[in-house]
Amino acid sequence: MRLLVDGAWDKKSWEGAVAWCSVGAGGEVRNEGRREVFASSALMAEALAVWNALVWAFDKGWLSVEICSDCLILVQGFQKANRVHPLVRIILSDIGYLAC
């Protein structure tokens, strides 16, 4: 299953929102979810979008998912976690644990 994820963040309030949707082979939206979050950065909101999407997918019994994100810094963070903020690194670690 392919999951498209995105996060948004307001610097003043630290409030954010994350959303995700599953798409079929033809690109049609099949399921979707969203959640309000508190985050210390836009990158953290993007990471929380991935984490929430994975938890949601696993709750549905989907054990094989492909995550699609438009956040290049997040994708690079999976490759070089030591270059991201420690709070984001913790979320990346949790995502890695979920993905195993």
PDB file of N, CA and C in Angstrom:
ATOM      1  N   MET A   1       0.849  -1.178   0.000  1.00  0.00           N
ATOM      2  CA  MET A   1       0.000   0.000   0.000  1.00  0.00           C
ATOM      3  C   MET A   1       0.891   1.237   0.000  1.00  0.00           C
ATOM      4  N   ARG A   2       0.534   2.231  -0.773  1.00  0.00           N
ATOM      5  CA  ARG A   2       1.273   3.496  -0.829  1.00  0.00           C
ATOM      6  C   ARG A   2       0.559   4.525   0.036  1.00  0.00           C
ATOM      7  N   LEU A   3       1.315   5.187   0.912  1.00  0.00           N
ATOM      8  CA  LEU A   3       0.780   6.237   1.772  1.00  0.00           C
ATOM      9  C   LEU A   3       1.445   7.565   1.434  1.00  0.00           C
ATOM     10  N   LEU A   4       0.646   8.569   1.141  1.00  0.00           N
ATOM     11  CA  LEU A   4       1.133   9.930   0.948  1.00  0.00           C
ATOM     12  C   LEU A   4       0.980  10.653   2.273  1.00  0.00           C
ATOM     13  N   VAL A   5       2.034  11.315   2.727  1.00  0.00           N
ATOM     14  CA  VAL A   5       2.008  11.982   4.034  1.00  0.00           C
ATOM     15  C   VAL A   5       2.406  13.445   3.888  1.00  0.00           C
ATOM     16  N   ASP A   6       1.912  14.272   4.814  1.00  0.00           N
ATOM     17  CA  ASP A   6       2.301  15.676   4.830  1.00  0.00           C
ATOM     18  C   ASP A   6       2.085  16.234   6.226  1.00  0.00           C
ATOM     19  N   GLY A   7       2.860  17.233   6.558  1.00  0.00           N
ATOM     20  CA  GLY A   7       2.737  17.912   7.840  1.00  0.00           C
ATOM     21  C   GLY A   7       2.746  19.415   7.647  1.00  0.00           C
ATOM     22  N   ALA A   8       2.083  20.111   8.550  1.00  0.00           N
ATOM     23  CA  ALA A   8       2.067  21.579   8.550  1.00  0.00           C
ATOM     24  C   ALA A   8       2.318  22.034   9.978  1.00  0.00           C
ATOM     25  N   TRP A   9       2.926  23.236  10.120  1.00  0.00           N
ATOM     26  CA  TRP A   9       3.345  23.684  11.445  1.00  0.00           C
ATOM     27  C   TRP A   9       3.278  25.193  11.544  1.00  0.00           C
ATOM     28  N   ASP A  10       2.816  25.685  12.698  1.00  0.00           N
ATOM     29  CA  ASP A  10       2.762  27.114  12.977  1.00  0.00           C
ATOM     30  C   ASP A  10       3.839  27.446  14.008  1.00  0.00           C
ATOM     31  N   LYS A  11       4.793  28.267  13.624  1.00  0.00           N
ATOM     32  CA  LYS A  11       5.938  28.583  14.481  1.00  0.00           C
ATOM     33  C   LYS A  11       5.539  29.285  15.776  1.00  0.00           C
ATOM     34  N   LYS A  12       4.535  30.149  15.724  1.00  0.00           N
ATOM     35  CA  LYS A  12       4.139  30.911  16.915  1.00  0.00           C
ATOM     36  C   LYS A  12       3.529  30.030  17.998  1.00  0.00           C
ATOM     37  N   SER A  13       2.661  29.138  17.604  1.00  0.00           N
ATOM     38  CA  SER A  13       1.927  28.331  18.584  1.00  0.00           C
ATOM     39  C   SER A  13       2.497  26.927  18.776  1.00  0.00           C
ATOM     40  N   TRP A  14       3.394  26.505  17.893  1.00  0.00           N
ATOM     41  CA  TRP A  14       3.926  25.145  17.860  1.00  0.00           C
ATOM     42  C   TRP A  14       2.852  24.116  17.531  1.00  0.00           C
ATOM     43  N   GLU A  15       1.701  24.584  17.108  1.00  0.00           N
ATOM     44  CA  GLU A  15       0.635  23.662  16.712  1.00  0.00           C
ATOM     45  C   GLU A  15       0.855  23.241  15.268  1.00  0.00           C
ATOM     46  N   GLY A  16       0.453  22.030  14.997  1.00  0.00           N
ATOM     47  CA  GLY A  16       0.596  21.525  13.641  1.00  0.00           C
ATOM     48  C   GLY A  16      -0.506  20.547  13.322  1.00  0.00           C
ATOM     49  N   ALA A  17      -0.482  20.104  12.105  1.00  0.00           N
ATOM     50  CA  ALA A  17      -1.422  19.086  11.654  1.00  0.00           C
ATOM     51  C   ALA A  17      -0.667  18.137  10.738  1.00  0.00           C
ATOM     52  N   VAL A  18      -1.014  16.887  10.837  1.00  0.00           N
ATOM     53  CA  VAL A  18      -0.439  15.883   9.950  1.00  0.00           C
ATOM     54  C   VAL A  18      -1.582  15.155   9.264  1.00  0.00           C
ATOM     55  N   ALA A  19      -1.325  14.729   8.051  1.00  0.00           N
ATOM     56  CA  ALA A  19      -2.356  14.023   7.290  1.00  0.00           C
ATOM     57  C   ALA A  19      -1.692  12.971   6.413  1.00  0.00           C
ATOM     58  N   TRP A  20      -2.480  11.985   6.054  1.00  0.00           N
ATOM     59  CA  TRP A  20      -1.989  10.915   5.195  1.00  0.00           C
ATOM     60  C   TRP A  20      -3.163  10.319   4.449  1.00  0.00           C
ATOM     61  N   CYS A  21      -2.868   9.702   3.335  1.00  0.00           N
ATOM     62  CA  CYS A  21      -3.904   8.981   2.597  1.00  0.00           C
ATOM     63  C   CYS A  21      -3.264   7.802   1.891  1.00  0.00           C
ATOM     64  N   SER A  22      -4.034   6.751   1.748  1.00  0.00           N
ATOM     65  CA  SER A  22      -3.571   5.603   0.980  1.00  0.00           C
ATOM     66  C   SER A  22      -4.110   5.753  -0.432  1.00  0.00           C
ATOM     67  N   VAL A  23      -3.282   5.404  -1.389  1.00  0.00           N
ATOM     68  CA  VAL A  23      -3.683   5.520  -2.789  1.00  0.00           C
ATOM     69  C   VAL A  23      -3.498   4.178  -3.483  1.00  0.00           C
ATOM     70  N   GLY A  24      -4.388   3.919  -4.418  1.00  0.00           N
ATOM     71  CA  GLY A  24      -4.317   2.698  -5.196  1.00  0.00           C
ATOM     72  C   GLY A  24      -3.353   2.834  -6.360  1.00  0.00           C
ATOM     73  N   ALA A  25      -3.245   1.775  -7.140  1.00  0.00           N
ATOM     74  CA  ALA A  25      -2.319   1.753  -8.274  1.00  0.00           C
ATOM     75  C   ALA A  25      -2.638   2.841  -9.294  1.00  0.00           C
ATOM     76  N   GLY A  26      -3.908   3.204  -9.417  1.00  0.00           N
ATOM     77  CA  GLY A  26      -4.311   4.240 -10.363  1.00  0.00           C
ATOM     78  C   GLY A  26      -4.266   5.641  -9.785  1.00  0.00           C
ATOM     79  N   GLY A  27      -3.813   5.769  -8.528  1.00  0.00           N
ATOM     80  CA  GLY A  27      -3.709   7.075  -7.894  1.00  0.00           C
ATOM     81  C   GLY A  27      -4.955   7.517  -7.146  1.00  0.00           C
ATOM     82  N   GLU A  28      -5.973   6.667  -7.090  1.00  0.00           N
ATOM     83  CA  GLU A  28      -7.203   7.041  -6.390  1.00  0.00           C
ATOM     84  C   GLU A  28      -7.015   6.939  -4.872  1.00  0.00           C
ATOM     85  N   VAL A  29      -7.589   7.898  -4.154  1.00  0.00           N
ATOM     86  CA  VAL A  29      -7.513   7.898  -2.693  1.00  0.00           C
ATOM     87  C   VAL A  29      -8.460   6.832  -2.160  1.00  0.00           C
ATOM     88  N   ARG A  30      -7.946   5.976  -1.304  1.00  0.00           N
ATOM     89  CA  ARG A  30      -8.757   4.893  -0.737  1.00  0.00           C
ATOM     90  C   ARG A  30      -9.149   5.165   0.708  1.00  0.00           C
ATOM     91  N   ASN A  31      -8.208   5.607   1.506  1.00  0.00           N
ATOM     92  CA  ASN A  31      -8.438   5.904   2.923  1.00  0.00           C
ATOM     93  C   ASN A  31      -7.612   7.123   3.283  1.00  0.00           C
ATOM     94  N   GLU A  32      -8.003   7.780   4.356  1.00  0.00           N
ATOM     95  CA  GLU A  32      -7.238   8.955   4.781  1.00  0.00           C
ATOM     96  C   GLU A  32      -7.341   9.132   6.280  1.00  0.00           C
ATOM     97  N   GLY A  33      -6.415   9.883   6.818  1.00  0.00           N
ATOM     98  CA  GLY A  33      -6.427  10.187   8.237  1.00  0.00           C
ATOM     99  C   GLY A  33      -5.729  11.507   8.490  1.00  0.00           C
ATOM    100  N   ARG A  34      -5.963  12.046   9.665  1.00  0.00           N
ATOM    101  CA  ARG A  34      -5.319  13.309  10.039  1.00  0.00           C
ATOM    102  C   ARG A  34      -5.303  13.413  11.562  1.00  0.00           C
ATOM    103  N   ARG A  35      -4.431  14.280  12.049  1.00  0.00           N
ATOM    104  CA  ARG A  35      -4.313  14.463  13.488  1.00  0.00           C
ATOM    105  C   ARG A  35      -3.659  15.813  13.755  1.00  0.00           C
ATOM    106  N   GLU A  36      -4.084  16.450  14.830  1.00  0.00           N
ATOM    107  CA  GLU A  36      -3.418  17.669  15.280  1.00  0.00           C
ATOM    108  C   GLU A  36      -2.252  17.259  16.168  1.00  0.00           C
ATOM    109  N   VAL A  37      -1.141  17.988  16.059  1.00  0.00           N
ATOM    110  CA  VAL A  37       0.060  17.657  16.824  1.00  0.00           C
ATOM    111  C   VAL A  37       0.690  18.938  17.370  1.00  0.00           C
ATOM    112  N   PHE A  38       1.573  18.764  18.320  1.00  0.00           N
ATOM    113  CA  PHE A  38       2.461  19.840  18.760  1.00  0.00           C
ATOM    114  C   PHE A  38       3.860  19.442  18.317  1.00  0.00           C
ATOM    115  N   ALA A  39       4.570  20.389  17.725  1.00  0.00           N
ATOM    116  CA  ALA A  39       5.905  20.102  17.208  1.00  0.00           C
ATOM    117  C   ALA A  39       6.789  21.325  17.404  1.00  0.00           C
ATOM    118  N   SER A  40       8.079  21.082  17.476  1.00  0.00           N
ATOM    119  CA  SER A  40       9.024  22.184  17.656  1.00  0.00           C
ATOM    120  C   SER A  40       9.565  22.718  16.337  1.00  0.00           C
ATOM    121  N   SER A  41       9.199  22.071  15.228  1.00  0.00           N
ATOM    122  CA  SER A  41       9.668  22.524  13.916  1.00  0.00           C
ATOM    123  C   SER A  41       8.797  21.915  12.821  1.00  0.00           C
ATOM    124  N   ALA A  42       8.928  22.473  11.637  1.00  0.00           N
ATOM    125  CA  ALA A  42       8.219  21.909  10.487  1.00  0.00           C
ATOM    126  C   ALA A  42       8.724  20.499  10.198  1.00  0.00           C
ATOM    127  N   LEU A  43      10.023  20.278  10.363  1.00  0.00           N
ATOM    128  CA  LEU A  43      10.585  18.949  10.139  1.00  0.00           C
ATOM    129  C   LEU A  43       9.998  17.936  11.112  1.00  0.00           C
ATOM    130  N   MET A  44       9.811  18.346  12.362  1.00  0.00           N
ATOM    131  CA  MET A  44       9.201  17.437  13.332  1.00  0.00           C
ATOM    132  C   MET A  44       7.768  17.104  12.924  1.00  0.00           C
ATOM    133  N   ALA A  45       7.026  18.084  12.422  1.00  0.00           N
ATOM    134  CA  ALA A  45       5.660  17.823  11.960  1.00  0.00           C
ATOM    135  C   ALA A  45       5.669  16.820  10.810  1.00  0.00           C
ATOM    136  N   GLU A  46       6.614  16.954   9.900  1.00  0.00           N
ATOM    137  CA  GLU A  46       6.719  16.000   8.784  1.00  0.00           C
ATOM    138  C   GLU A  46       7.041  14.598   9.303  1.00  0.00           C
ATOM    139  N   ALA A  47       7.950  14.509  10.273  1.00  0.00           N
ATOM    140  CA  ALA A  47       8.295  13.208  10.850  1.00  0.00           C
ATOM    141  C   ALA A  47       7.099  12.603  11.577  1.00  0.00           C
ATOM    142  N   LEU A  48       6.354  13.429  12.290  1.00  0.00           N
ATOM    143  CA  LEU A  48       5.155  12.933  12.977  1.00  0.00           C
ATOM    144  C   LEU A  48       4.093  12.478  11.989  1.00  0.00           C
ATOM    145  N   ALA A  49       4.058  13.083  10.813  1.00  0.00           N
ATOM    146  CA  ALA A  49       3.121  12.632   9.776  1.00  0.00           C
ATOM    147  C   ALA A  49       3.446  11.200   9.369  1.00  0.00           C
ATOM    148  N   VAL A  50       4.721  10.912   9.173  1.00  0.00           N
ATOM    149  CA  VAL A  50       5.130   9.549   8.810  1.00  0.00           C
ATOM    150  C   VAL A  50       4.815   8.586   9.946  1.00  0.00           C
ATOM    151  N   TRP A  51       5.175   8.956  11.167  1.00  0.00           N
ATOM    152  CA  TRP A  51       4.942   8.076  12.317  1.00  0.00           C
ATOM    153  C   TRP A  51       3.452   7.761  12.475  1.00  0.00           C
ATOM    154  N   ASN A  52       2.616   8.800  12.435  1.00  0.00           N
ATOM    155  CA  ASN A  52       1.170   8.594  12.583  1.00  0.00           C
ATOM    156  C   ASN A  52       0.604   7.760  11.446  1.00  0.00           C
ATOM    157  N   ALA A  53       1.088   7.974  10.237  1.00  0.00           N
ATOM    158  CA  ALA A  53       0.608   7.191   9.092  1.00  0.00           C
ATOM    159  C   ALA A  53       0.961   5.718   9.255  1.00  0.00           C
ATOM    160  N   LEU A  54       2.167   5.433   9.727  1.00  0.00           N
ATOM    161  CA  LEU A  54       2.560   4.036   9.935  1.00  0.00           C
ATOM    162  C   LEU A  54       1.729   3.372  11.020  1.00  0.00           C
ATOM    163  N   VAL A  55       1.534   4.056  12.136  1.00  0.00           N
ATOM    164  CA  VAL A  55       0.710   3.495  13.211  1.00  0.00           C
ATOM    165  C   VAL A  55      -0.696   3.225  12.699  1.00  0.00           C
ATOM    166  N   TRP A  56      -1.254   4.168  11.966  1.00  0.00           N
ATOM    167  CA  TRP A  56      -2.594   4.030  11.385  1.00  0.00           C
ATOM    168  C   TRP A  56      -2.649   2.828  10.443  1.00  0.00           C
ATOM    169  N   ALA A  57      -1.636   2.691   9.584  1.00  0.00           N
ATOM    170  CA  ALA A  57      -1.608   1.580   8.627  1.00  0.00           C
ATOM    171  C   ALA A  57      -1.516   0.239   9.348  1.00  0.00           C
ATOM    172  N   PHE A  58      -0.667   0.161  10.355  1.00  0.00           N
ATOM    173  CA  PHE A  58      -0.518  -1.091  11.085  1.00  0.00           C
ATOM    174  C   PHE A  58      -1.786  -1.437  11.858  1.00  0.00           C
ATOM    175  N   ASP A  59      -2.487  -0.427  12.372  1.00  0.00           N
ATOM    176  CA  ASP A  59      -3.771  -0.667  13.035  1.00  0.00           C
ATOM    177  C   ASP A  59      -4.785  -1.267  12.071  1.00  0.00           C
ATOM    178  N   LYS A  60      -4.650  -0.944  10.795  1.00  0.00           N
ATOM    179  CA  LYS A  60      -5.535  -1.501   9.772  1.00  0.00           C
ATOM    180  C   LYS A  60      -5.069  -2.880   9.308  1.00  0.00           C
ATOM    181  N   GLY A  61      -3.927  -3.323   9.815  1.00  0.00           N
ATOM    182  CA  GLY A  61      -3.415  -4.630   9.436  1.00  0.00           C
ATOM    183  C   GLY A  61      -2.523  -4.613   8.202  1.00  0.00           C
ATOM    184  N   TRP A  62      -2.146  -3.440   7.737  1.00  0.00           N
ATOM    185  CA  TRP A  62      -1.272  -3.337   6.566  1.00  0.00           C
ATOM    186  C   TRP A  62       0.173  -3.455   7.044  1.00  0.00           C
ATOM    187  N   LEU A  63       0.839  -4.500   6.644  1.00  0.00           N
ATOM    188  CA  LEU A  63       2.197  -4.738   7.111  1.00  0.00           C
ATOM    189  C   LEU A  63       3.257  -4.320   6.101  1.00  0.00           C
ATOM    190  N   SER A  64       2.840  -4.006   4.894  1.00  0.00           N
ATOM    191  CA  SER A  64       3.778  -3.573   3.861  1.00  0.00           C
ATOM    192  C   SER A  64       3.267  -2.273   3.254  1.00  0.00           C
ATOM    193  N   VAL A  65       3.939  -1.172   3.555  1.00  0.00           N
ATOM    194  CA  VAL A  65       3.518   0.131   3.042  1.00  0.00           C
ATOM    195  C   VAL A  65       4.724   0.876   2.468  1.00  0.00           C
ATOM    196  N   GLU A  66       4.437   1.721   1.505  1.00  0.00           N
ATOM    197  CA  GLU A  66       5.436   2.618   0.924  1.00  0.00           C
ATOM    198  C   GLU A  66       5.047   4.032   1.329  1.00  0.00           C
ATOM    199  N   ILE A  67       5.956   4.737   1.980  1.00  0.00           N
ATOM    200  CA  ILE A  67       5.694   6.102   2.433  1.00  0.00           C
ATOM    201  C   ILE A  67       6.219   7.084   1.397  1.00  0.00           C
ATOM    202  N   CYS A  68       5.392   8.042   1.012  1.00  0.00           N
ATOM    203  CA  CYS A  68       5.786   9.092   0.066  1.00  0.00           C
ATOM    204  C   CYS A  68       5.675  10.440   0.767  1.00  0.00           C
ATOM    205  N   SER A  69       6.797  11.153   0.835  1.00  0.00           N
ATOM    206  CA  SER A  69       6.854  12.459   1.487  1.00  0.00           C
ATOM    207  C   SER A  69       7.478  13.468   0.538  1.00  0.00           C
ATOM    208  N   ASP A  70       7.033  14.711   0.638  1.00  0.00           N
ATOM    209  CA  ASP A  70       7.628  15.777  -0.171  1.00  0.00           C
ATOM    210  C   ASP A  70       8.727  16.519   0.584  1.00  0.00           C
ATOM    211  N   CYS A  71       9.128  15.994   1.725  1.00  0.00           N
ATOM    212  CA  CYS A  71      10.122  16.663   2.571  1.00  0.00           C
ATOM    213  C   CYS A  71      11.497  16.001   2.391  1.00  0.00           C
ATOM    214  N   LEU A  72      12.313  16.578   1.527  1.00  0.00           N
ATOM    215  CA  LEU A  72      13.630  16.020   1.230  1.00  0.00           C
ATOM    216  C   LEU A  72      14.511  15.938   2.473  1.00  0.00           C
ATOM    217  N   ILE A  73      14.446  16.941   3.328  1.00  0.00           N
ATOM    218  CA  ILE A  73      15.274  16.935   4.541  1.00  0.00           C
ATOM    219  C   ILE A  73      14.914  15.746   5.431  1.00  0.00           C
ATOM    220  N   LEU A  74      13.640  15.404   5.487  1.00  0.00           N
ATOM    221  CA  LEU A  74      13.216  14.243   6.272  1.00  0.00           C
ATOM    222  C   LEU A  74      13.774  12.960   5.667  1.00  0.00           C
ATOM    223  N   VAL A  75      13.649  12.816   4.367  1.00  0.00           N
ATOM    224  CA  VAL A  75      14.165  11.619   3.695  1.00  0.00           C
ATOM    225  C   VAL A  75      15.673  11.504   3.926  1.00  0.00           C
ATOM    226  N   GLN A  76      16.389  12.613   3.807  1.00  0.00           N
ATOM    227  CA  GLN A  76      17.829  12.601   4.059  1.00  0.00           C
ATOM    228  C   GLN A  76      18.130  12.297   5.523  1.00  0.00           C
ATOM    229  N   GLY A  77      17.229  12.690   6.414  1.00  0.00           N
ATOM    230  CA  GLY A  77      17.402  12.409   7.832  1.00  0.00           C
ATOM    231  C   GLY A  77      17.413  10.924   8.139  1.00  0.00           C
ATOM    232  N   PHE A  78      16.695  10.138   7.356  1.00  0.00           N
ATOM    233  CA  PHE A  78      16.726   8.687   7.543  1.00  0.00           C
ATOM    234  C   PHE A  78      18.099   8.131   7.167  1.00  0.00           C
ATOM    235  N   GLN A  79      18.747   8.775   6.215  1.00  0.00           N
ATOM    236  CA  GLN A  79      20.062   8.312   5.768  1.00  0.00           C
ATOM    237  C   GLN A  79      21.178   8.787   6.698  1.00  0.00           C
ATOM    238  N   LYS A  80      21.014   9.994   7.264  1.00  0.00           N
ATOM    239  CA  LYS A  80      22.046  10.577   8.129  1.00  0.00           C
ATOM    240  C   LYS A  80      21.377  11.197   9.352  1.00  0.00           C
ATOM    241  N   ALA A  81      20.888  10.339  10.237  1.00  0.00           N
ATOM    242  CA  ALA A  81      20.117  10.798  11.396  1.00  0.00           C
ATOM    243  C   ALA A  81      20.932  11.708  12.308  1.00  0.00           C
ATOM    244  N   ASN A  82      22.246  11.568  12.304  1.00  0.00           N
ATOM    245  CA  ASN A  82      23.073  12.404  13.182  1.00  0.00           C
ATOM    246  C   ASN A  82      23.065  13.871  12.755  1.00  0.00           C
ATOM    247  N   ARG A  83      22.498  14.183  11.600  1.00  0.00           N
ATOM    248  CA  ARG A  83      22.460  15.566  11.116  1.00  0.00           C
ATOM    249  C   ARG A  83      21.137  16.271  11.404  1.00  0.00           C
ATOM    250  N   VAL A  84      20.211  15.593  12.040  1.00  0.00           N
ATOM    251  CA  VAL A  84      18.928  16.224  12.361  1.00  0.00           C
ATOM    252  C   VAL A  84      18.858  16.504  13.861  1.00  0.00           C
ATOM    253  N   HIS A  85      17.949  17.371  14.232  1.00  0.00           N
ATOM    254  CA  HIS A  85      17.764  17.748  15.639  1.00  0.00           C
ATOM    255  C   HIS A  85      17.477  16.493  16.469  1.00  0.00           C
ATOM    256  N   PRO A  86      18.013  16.415  17.686  1.00  0.00           N
ATOM    257  CA  PRO A  86      17.801  15.226  18.520  1.00  0.00           C
ATOM    258  C   PRO A  86      16.333  14.854  18.728  1.00  0.00           C
ATOM    259  N   LEU A  87      15.443  15.829  18.838  1.00  0.00           N
ATOM    260  CA  LEU A  87      14.023  15.498  19.016  1.00  0.00           C
ATOM    261  C   LEU A  87      13.456  14.825  17.773  1.00  0.00           C
ATOM    262  N   VAL A  88      13.889  15.249  16.611  1.00  0.00           N
ATOM    263  CA  VAL A  88      13.446  14.612  15.363  1.00  0.00           C
ATOM    264  C   VAL A  88      14.102  13.243  15.231  1.00  0.00           C
ATOM    265  N   ARG A  89      15.341  13.144  15.661  1.00  0.00           N
ATOM    266  CA  ARG A  89      16.062  11.868  15.596  1.00  0.00           C
ATOM    267  C   ARG A  89      15.323  10.780  16.372  1.00  0.00           C
ATOM    268  N   ILE A  90      14.727  11.139  17.498  1.00  0.00           N
ATOM    269  CA  ILE A  90      13.958  10.170  18.290  1.00  0.00           C
ATOM    270  C   ILE A  90      12.773   9.650  17.487  1.00  0.00           C
ATOM    271  N   ILE A  91      12.081  10.546  16.798  1.00  0.00           N
ATOM    272  CA  ILE A  91      10.935  10.131  15.982  1.00  0.00           C
ATOM    273  C   ILE A  91      11.408   9.247  14.837  1.00  0.00           C
ATOM    274  N   LEU A  92      12.524   9.612  14.198  1.00  0.00           N
ATOM    275  CA  LEU A  92      13.068   8.789  13.115  1.00  0.00           C
ATOM    276  C   LEU A  92      13.418   7.394  13.625  1.00  0.00           C
ATOM    277  N   SER A  93      13.946   7.328  14.835  1.00  0.00           N
ATOM    278  CA  SER A  93      14.263   6.038  15.433  1.00  0.00           C
ATOM    279  C   SER A  93      12.998   5.211  15.643  1.00  0.00           C
ATOM    280  N   ASP A  94      11.947   5.846  16.135  1.00  0.00           N
ATOM    281  CA  ASP A  94      10.666   5.153  16.321  1.00  0.00           C
ATOM    282  C   ASP A  94      10.107   4.668  14.991  1.00  0.00           C
ATOM    283  N   ILE A  95      10.230   5.488  13.963  1.00  0.00           N
ATOM    284  CA  ILE A  95       9.756   5.092  12.629  1.00  0.00           C
ATOM    285  C   ILE A  95      10.539   3.877  12.147  1.00  0.00           C
ATOM    286  N   GLY A  96      11.853   3.905  12.349  1.00  0.00           N
ATOM    287  CA  GLY A  96      12.678   2.763  11.965  1.00  0.00           C
ATOM    288  C   GLY A  96      12.271   1.499  12.695  1.00  0.00           C
ATOM    289  N   TYR A  97      11.941   1.638  13.969  1.00  0.00           N
ATOM    290  CA  TYR A  97      11.483   0.488  14.751  1.00  0.00           C
ATOM    291  C   TYR A  97      10.167  -0.053  14.196  1.00  0.00           C
ATOM    292  N   LEU A  98       9.229   0.852  13.877  1.00  0.00           N
ATOM    293  CA  LEU A  98       7.945   0.424  13.320  1.00  0.00           C
ATOM    294  C   LEU A  98       8.121  -0.250  11.966  1.00  0.00           C
ATOM    295  N   ALA A  99       9.091   0.219  11.202  1.00  0.00           N
ATOM    296  CA  ALA A  99       9.267  -0.276   9.838  1.00  0.00           C
ATOM    297  C   ALA A  99       9.908  -1.660   9.781  1.00  0.00           C
ATOM    298  N   CYS A 100      10.474  -2.114  10.883  1.00  0.00           N
ATOM    299  CA  CYS A 100      11.157  -3.420  10.862  1.00  0.00           C
ATOM    300  C   CYS A 100      10.224  -4.572  10.945  1.00  0.00           C
TER     301      CYS A 100
END
